[in-house]
Protein backbone atom coordinates (compact mmCIF):
# COMPACT_ATOMS: atom_id res chain seq x y z
CA MET A 1 200.25 115.96 68.20
CA THR A 2 197.51 114.75 65.41
CA THR A 3 194.30 114.49 67.06
CA LEU A 4 193.11 110.45 67.69
CA ARG A 5 189.87 109.51 66.67
CA CYS A 6 188.75 106.70 68.77
CA ASP A 7 185.72 104.43 68.58
CA LEU A 8 185.41 102.68 72.31
CA VAL A 9 183.18 99.41 72.00
CA LEU A 10 182.04 98.62 75.38
CA GLU A 11 180.63 95.61 77.16
CA GLN A 12 177.89 96.70 79.53
CA THR A 13 177.86 93.73 82.25
CA LEU A 14 179.06 93.59 85.99
CA GLY A 15 182.22 95.54 86.50
CA HIS A 16 182.40 96.58 83.20
CA ILE A 17 179.64 98.97 83.19
CA THR A 18 181.46 100.97 86.15
CA HIS A 19 184.83 100.74 83.68
CA THR A 20 182.43 102.49 81.08
CA ALA A 21 181.39 104.98 83.36
CA ASN A 22 184.81 105.96 84.14
CA LEU A 23 185.96 106.11 80.62
CA ARG A 24 183.15 108.31 79.59
CA SER A 25 183.96 110.83 82.22
CA LEU A 26 187.84 110.59 81.85
CA VAL A 27 188.60 109.67 78.19
CA PRO A 28 186.97 113.12 76.74
CA ALA A 29 189.14 115.41 79.32
CA ILE A 30 192.29 113.78 77.54
CA ASP A 31 194.20 116.39 74.94
CA ASP A 32 193.85 115.83 71.24
CA VAL A 33 191.51 112.46 71.64
CA GLU A 34 187.86 112.65 69.82
CA ALA A 35 186.07 109.40 71.26
CA ARG A 36 183.01 107.88 70.15
CA PHE A 37 181.47 105.31 72.59
CA VAL A 38 179.42 102.52 71.32
CA PRO A 39 178.10 100.69 74.36
CA VAL A 40 177.13 96.68 74.03
CA PRO A 41 173.97 96.21 76.25
CA PHE A 42 173.40 92.74 77.63
CA GLU A 43 169.57 92.71 77.73
CA VAL A 44 167.91 90.02 76.07
CA GLY A 45 165.63 91.51 73.22
CA GLY A 46 162.30 90.36 71.06
CA ARG A 47 159.52 88.27 72.31
CA ARG A 48 161.02 84.69 71.40
CA SER A 49 163.66 83.04 73.28
CA ILE A 50 166.29 81.27 70.61
CA PRO A 51 168.59 79.36 72.35
CA VAL A 52 171.74 80.05 70.24
CA TRP A 53 171.01 84.07 69.45
CA ASP A 54 170.46 84.59 73.25
CA ASN A 55 173.94 83.35 74.20
CA TRP A 56 175.32 86.38 75.49
CA THR A 57 178.80 86.07 73.09
CA VAL A 58 176.31 85.62 70.06
CA ARG A 59 174.19 88.60 71.06
CA ALA A 60 177.28 90.83 71.95
CA GLY A 61 178.73 90.15 68.87
CA ARG A 62 175.76 90.88 66.45
CA ARG A 63 175.07 94.37 68.59
CA ALA A 64 178.63 95.25 68.24
CA ARG A 65 178.82 94.66 64.59
CA ARG A 66 175.49 96.54 64.05
CA ALA A 67 176.54 99.35 65.97
CA VAL A 68 179.93 99.70 64.45
CA ASP A 69 178.51 99.28 60.97
CA GLU A 70 176.03 101.98 61.16
CA LEU A 71 178.59 104.35 62.75
CA TRP A 72 181.14 103.95 60.18
CA ARG A 73 178.43 104.13 57.74
CA LYS A 74 176.97 107.47 59.13
CA GLU A 75 180.31 109.24 60.40
CA GLY A 76 182.99 107.47 58.77
CA ARG A 77 185.77 105.44 60.30
CA PRO A 78 187.98 106.09 63.06
CA ASP A 79 191.75 105.96 63.31
CA ALA A 80 191.78 103.18 65.99
CA MET A 81 189.06 101.49 67.72
CA PHE A 82 189.28 100.09 71.42
CA VAL A 83 187.02 96.84 72.32
CA HIS A 84 186.23 95.87 75.68
CA THR A 85 185.87 92.88 76.05
CA GLN A 86 186.56 89.91 73.94
CA VAL A 87 183.01 88.90 74.44
CA PRO A 88 181.92 91.57 71.54
CA ALA A 89 185.00 91.31 69.80
CA VAL A 90 185.13 87.85 69.22
CA LEU A 91 182.33 87.91 66.20
CA MET A 92 183.86 91.28 64.98
CA GLY A 93 185.58 89.55 62.27
CA ARG A 94 187.63 91.59 59.68
CA ARG A 95 186.44 94.92 61.64
CA LEU A 96 189.21 93.95 63.79
CA SER A 97 191.85 94.77 61.37
CA ALA A 98 189.85 97.03 59.07
CA VAL A 99 191.02 99.69 61.74
CA PRO A 100 193.83 99.20 63.89
CA THR A 101 192.15 97.91 67.03
CA VAL A 102 193.08 97.27 70.71
CA ILE A 103 191.13 94.41 72.52
CA SER A 104 190.66 94.75 76.49
CA LEU A 105 189.72 92.13 78.86
CA ASP A 106 189.48 91.11 82.46
CA ALA A 107 189.64 87.28 81.96
CA THR A 108 190.34 85.20 79.14
CA PRO A 109 187.66 82.54 78.21
CA ARG A 110 189.75 79.61 79.67
CA GLN A 111 190.08 81.63 83.05
CA TYR A 112 186.34 82.43 83.28
CA ASP A 113 185.60 78.80 82.13
CA ALA A 114 187.91 77.53 85.46
CA LEU A 115 185.51 79.31 87.37
CA GLY A 116 182.38 78.35 85.49
CA HIS A 117 181.17 76.63 88.54
CA VAL A 118 180.42 79.45 90.70
CA TYR A 119 179.18 81.74 87.67
CA ASP A 120 176.33 78.97 86.73
CA HIS A 121 178.50 78.61 83.36
CA ALA A 122 178.94 75.25 81.57
CA THR A 123 181.49 74.40 78.96
CA GLY A 124 179.97 72.88 75.84
CA ALA A 125 180.87 69.67 74.09
CA ALA A 126 184.78 69.25 73.16
CA PRO A 127 183.94 70.42 69.28
CA VAL A 128 182.19 73.62 70.52
CA GLU A 129 184.76 74.18 72.85
CA ARG A 130 187.56 73.80 70.48
CA ALA A 131 185.52 76.22 68.03
CA LYS A 132 185.29 78.56 70.64
CA THR A 133 189.10 78.84 71.38
CA ALA A 134 189.65 79.10 67.45
CA LEU A 135 187.38 82.55 67.30
CA ASN A 136 189.14 83.98 70.37
CA ARG A 137 192.46 83.27 69.15
CA ARG A 138 191.46 84.47 65.65
CA SER A 139 189.99 87.96 67.16
CA LEU A 140 193.02 88.25 69.26
CA ALA A 141 195.46 87.68 66.73
CA ARG A 142 193.74 90.71 64.32
CA ALA A 143 194.17 93.01 67.20
CA ARG A 144 197.14 95.19 67.05
CA HIS A 145 197.50 95.08 70.94
CA ILE A 146 195.71 93.51 74.01
CA ILE A 147 195.24 94.95 77.40
CA THR A 148 194.62 92.91 80.19
CA TRP A 149 193.23 93.92 83.76
CA SER A 150 195.62 92.05 85.57
CA ASP A 151 198.93 90.24 85.11
CA TRP A 152 197.07 86.63 85.70
CA THR A 153 195.00 87.57 82.71
CA ASN A 154 198.19 88.96 80.73
CA ALA A 155 199.84 85.38 81.36
CA ASP A 156 197.00 83.38 79.71
CA VAL A 157 196.59 85.64 76.95
CA VAL A 158 200.20 84.71 76.07
CA ASP A 159 200.35 81.03 77.11
CA GLY A 160 196.85 79.87 76.29
CA TYR A 161 196.31 81.95 73.20
CA GLY A 162 199.51 82.08 71.93
CA VAL A 163 199.81 86.25 71.68
CA PRO A 164 203.57 87.61 71.71
CA ALA A 165 204.04 89.01 75.14
CA GLU A 166 205.39 92.22 73.39
CA ARG A 167 201.55 92.71 71.95
CA VAL A 168 199.87 92.54 75.74
CA THR A 169 200.02 95.12 78.65
CA THR A 170 198.52 95.40 81.90
CA ILE A 171 196.21 98.18 82.66
CA ALA A 172 194.15 97.80 85.68
CA PRO A 173 190.41 99.52 85.28
CA GLY A 174 190.89 101.86 88.12
CA VAL A 175 189.05 104.02 90.39
CA ASP A 176 188.55 107.86 89.89
CA LEU A 177 190.79 108.97 92.87
CA ALA A 178 189.13 112.10 93.10
CA ARG A 179 186.03 110.73 94.27
CA TRP A 180 186.91 108.11 96.30
CA ARG A 181 189.97 108.85 98.46
CA ARG A 182 188.74 110.09 101.92
CA ASP A 183 190.58 113.23 103.05
CA ASP A 184 190.33 113.34 106.66
CA PRO A 185 191.45 110.47 109.01
CA ARG A 186 188.98 107.51 110.24
CA PRO A 187 187.51 108.46 113.80
CA ASP A 188 188.00 105.78 116.49
CA ASN A 189 184.46 105.16 116.62
CA GLU A 190 183.10 102.39 119.21
CA THR A 191 181.37 100.09 116.57
CA VAL A 192 183.49 98.90 113.89
CA ARG A 193 182.06 98.77 110.58
CA ILE A 194 182.82 95.92 107.90
CA LEU A 195 181.42 96.56 104.42
CA PHE A 196 180.41 94.01 101.60
CA VAL A 197 179.58 95.29 98.25
CA GLY A 198 178.44 92.73 95.72
CA GLY A 199 175.41 91.97 93.43
CA ASP A 200 175.57 88.20 93.71
CA VAL A 201 175.61 87.54 97.45
CA ARG A 202 176.23 84.30 97.66
CA ARG A 203 179.24 83.90 94.87
CA LYS A 204 180.87 86.75 96.63
CA GLY A 205 180.80 85.13 99.62
CA GLY A 206 178.17 87.42 101.59
CA ASP A 207 176.69 84.65 103.32
CA LEU A 208 179.79 83.56 104.96
CA LEU A 209 180.44 87.09 105.98
CA VAL A 210 177.39 87.22 107.67
CA ASP A 211 177.80 84.05 109.51
CA ALA A 212 181.47 85.29 110.56
CA VAL A 213 179.91 88.29 112.07
CA ARG A 214 177.43 86.76 113.84
CA ARG A 215 180.12 84.61 116.01
CA LEU A 216 182.01 87.97 116.13
CA ARG A 217 179.14 89.66 117.96
CA ASP A 218 178.29 86.70 120.25
CA ASP A 219 181.93 86.81 121.35
CA PRO A 220 181.60 89.05 124.86
CA ASP A 221 185.35 89.96 124.29
CA MET A 222 184.63 91.85 121.04
CA PRO A 223 183.69 95.65 120.30
CA ASP A 224 180.33 96.32 118.88
CA VAL A 225 180.50 95.05 115.13
CA VAL A 226 178.32 95.75 112.28
CA VAL A 227 178.50 94.66 108.48
CA ASP A 228 177.07 97.12 106.00
CA ILE A 229 176.01 94.96 102.70
CA VAL A 230 175.65 96.86 99.47
CA SER A 231 173.40 94.65 97.28
CA ASN A 232 170.32 93.95 95.47
CA GLY A 233 170.54 90.65 96.09
CA ASP A 234 168.86 88.02 98.11
CA VAL A 235 169.92 88.86 101.49
CA ASP A 236 168.04 89.60 104.86
CA GLU A 237 168.48 92.27 107.44
CA THR A 238 169.38 90.85 110.86
CA ASP A 239 170.97 91.78 114.19
CA GLY A 240 174.32 93.36 113.22
CA VAL A 241 173.55 93.48 109.48
CA GLU A 242 172.40 96.68 107.85
CA ILE A 243 171.42 96.25 104.04
CA HIS A 244 171.88 99.10 101.38
CA ARG A 245 169.85 98.59 98.12
CA GLY A 246 169.76 100.71 94.93
CA LEU A 247 173.37 102.15 95.10
CA THR A 248 174.84 102.86 91.82
CA ALA A 249 178.23 102.91 90.64
CA ASN A 250 180.31 106.01 91.72
CA HIS A 251 177.28 107.51 93.52
CA PRO A 252 177.95 110.01 96.45
CA ASP A 253 175.93 107.40 98.81
CA LEU A 254 178.03 104.43 97.98
CA ILE A 255 181.08 106.35 98.38
CA ARG A 256 179.91 107.35 101.47
CA ARG A 257 179.59 103.78 102.91
CA TYR A 258 183.29 103.09 101.91
CA HIS A 259 184.37 106.31 103.87
CA GLU A 260 182.08 105.31 107.00
CA ALA A 261 183.69 101.60 107.15
CA ASP A 262 186.44 100.53 108.99
CA ILE A 263 187.15 97.02 106.98
CA PHE A 264 186.20 96.23 103.50
CA CYS A 265 185.65 92.26 103.23
CA LEU A 266 184.82 90.05 99.86
CA PRO A 267 185.00 86.38 100.80
CA THR A 268 184.12 85.85 97.06
CA ARG A 269 184.12 81.97 96.09
CA GLY A 270 184.77 83.21 92.34
CA ASP A 271 185.89 86.26 90.56
CA CYS A 272 188.79 87.70 88.38
CA LEU A 273 189.72 91.33 89.62
CA PRO A 274 186.34 92.76 91.56
CA MET A 275 186.55 96.80 91.08
CA VAL A 276 184.95 96.90 94.48
CA LEU A 277 188.41 96.21 96.28
CA ALA A 278 190.11 98.45 94.02
CA GLU A 279 187.27 101.15 95.29
CA ALA A 280 187.95 100.03 98.86
CA ALA A 281 191.73 100.35 98.59
CA ALA A 282 191.17 103.82 97.11
CA ALA A 283 189.02 104.68 100.25
CA GLY A 284 191.97 103.94 102.11
CA LEU A 285 190.49 100.31 103.80
CA PRO A 286 192.12 97.47 104.56
CA LEU A 287 190.97 94.49 102.32
CA VAL A 288 189.88 90.94 103.28
CA SER A 289 189.37 88.47 100.64
CA THR A 290 190.35 84.99 99.00
CA ASP A 291 192.82 83.95 96.54
CA VAL A 292 190.93 83.61 93.65
CA GLY A 293 191.86 85.31 90.29
CA ALA A 294 193.95 88.32 89.99
CA ILE A 295 192.69 89.28 93.63
CA PRO A 296 196.32 88.59 94.99
CA GLU A 297 197.88 91.26 93.05
CA LEU A 298 195.61 93.68 94.97
CA VAL A 299 194.77 92.08 98.44
CA ARG A 300 198.45 91.48 99.51
CA PRO A 301 198.77 89.87 102.87
CA GLY A 302 200.54 92.49 105.50
CA GLU A 303 201.04 94.95 102.84
CA THR A 304 197.25 95.95 102.19
CA GLY A 305 195.25 93.09 103.74
CA ALA A 306 194.61 89.57 104.08
CA LEU A 307 193.86 86.61 101.80
CA VAL A 308 191.48 83.82 103.62
CA PRO A 309 190.61 80.41 102.10
CA VAL A 310 187.60 80.11 99.77
CA GLY A 311 184.66 79.00 101.48
CA GLU A 312 186.00 78.45 105.27
CA VAL A 313 184.33 80.70 107.97
CA ASP A 314 186.66 80.01 110.91
CA PRO A 315 189.91 81.68 109.12
CA LEU A 316 187.74 84.44 108.18
CA VAL A 317 186.72 84.87 111.74
CA ASP A 318 189.96 85.01 112.73
CA GLU A 319 191.47 87.70 110.19
CA LEU A 320 188.28 90.07 111.00
CA ARG A 321 189.11 89.90 114.77
CA ARG A 322 192.97 90.78 114.22
CA LEU A 323 191.55 93.70 112.22
CA ILE A 324 188.77 94.43 114.77
CA VAL A 325 190.94 94.42 117.86
CA ASP A 326 193.62 96.34 116.20
CA ARG A 327 193.21 99.70 115.08
CA ASP A 328 196.69 100.63 114.23
CA ARG A 329 197.06 97.34 112.19
CA ARG A 330 193.53 98.77 110.34
CA ARG A 331 195.51 102.11 109.53
CA ARG A 332 198.80 100.79 108.41
CA LEU A 333 196.92 98.04 105.83
CA GLY A 334 194.66 100.65 104.83
CA GLY A 335 197.28 102.93 104.46
CA GLY A 336 199.21 100.52 102.12
CA ALA A 337 195.87 99.66 100.12
CA LEU A 338 195.62 103.42 99.35
CA GLU A 339 199.39 103.64 98.34
CA LEU A 340 198.72 100.73 95.82
CA ALA A 341 195.53 102.26 94.56
CA SER A 342 197.28 105.60 93.96
CA ARG A 343 200.05 103.91 92.14
CA GLU A 344 198.32 101.21 90.17
CA HIS A 345 194.57 101.83 90.35
CA ASP A 346 194.37 105.64 89.30
CA ALA A 347 191.71 105.70 86.66
CA ALA A 348 192.48 108.94 85.38
CA ALA A 349 196.31 107.88 84.68
CA ASN A 350 195.22 104.38 83.42
CA ALA A 351 192.74 105.89 81.01
CA ARG A 352 195.69 108.21 79.59
CA ARG A 353 197.69 104.88 79.73
CA ILE A 354 195.09 103.19 77.40
CA VAL A 355 194.72 106.00 75.09
CA ASP A 356 198.63 105.99 74.66
CA VAL A 357 198.14 102.11 73.68
CA VAL A 358 195.62 103.04 71.22
CA ARG A 359 197.45 105.97 70.07
CA SER A 360 200.50 103.78 69.04
CA VAL A 361 198.59 101.25 67.09
CA ALA A 362 196.90 104.08 65.25
CA ASP A 363 198.18 104.89 61.48
CA LEU A 364 198.25 108.51 62.25
CA GLU A 365 200.78 111.11 60.43
CA PRO A 366 203.35 112.34 62.98
């Protein structure tokens, strides 16, 4: 097979940092692929704040263009390019058609705008929004193929941006199962540990979970319950709440927290497809979350976990109580979650699928 020379241009924010780490680890191990990684950092540079230039889309687009131009000038053009996400892609212009390009995204701008109230993201005036939509349509049209993290995003790329369905493929980012799978059964401990992982504690519903655990601990008929919160965000350690800071993506201490937990809970107020849910599934944990974004594609009631209404504590308490008192239910849903992760969220398998899509658009000699 002809070796594929591929540039991977990768946004460096939130869960995309973990996605980058997985691709950096897994893609070089794939046969007949020479990968060059082009990270697009988020940090604001310089001494002055200039409103337009400080916009993340503008900043990411300029940085991606400069990095790609410099790489191509020094080392030549690749056979194909993979750009994740549409944020750095939107201002890359003709570079997206200069070599065959695949654009990857976790959510469309329209979907992000719909969730904007929880991300402190405001839409602009009508002319600005029309221009933004036109730029995104143009960049998606220039790409040979689109990869989406979920069917939820796939549908909006087709319906909202006019991309033909045959040019869009859903491939979840995935988890390195070799690292995350727990090999031995969970012991029947007297204390039930609930795990929460998230940087923005309020948006992710950490405050709701703390309230729910407080109520559960006040119930004399309940076993001992502790919530482990992995976050660098603003949250205080109180009775039954243990805080763990400074744990980075795929770190052994982070994975250990998953392996020591009995339930994973993310009662988020707004999200697209949180990678922490796939990590929890890979660790064999039953999942409790909310019906927002693409979460129902991973948290499937009665199969992998339970969905609760956004912002409501009482239903959250009820679902957690059912899991806390029923070990068999925890094991059954955790097993279902692991099965789903193995089938659809295996990062090694999905990295190969991504490379296969990129290879399919490259103009290579057979």
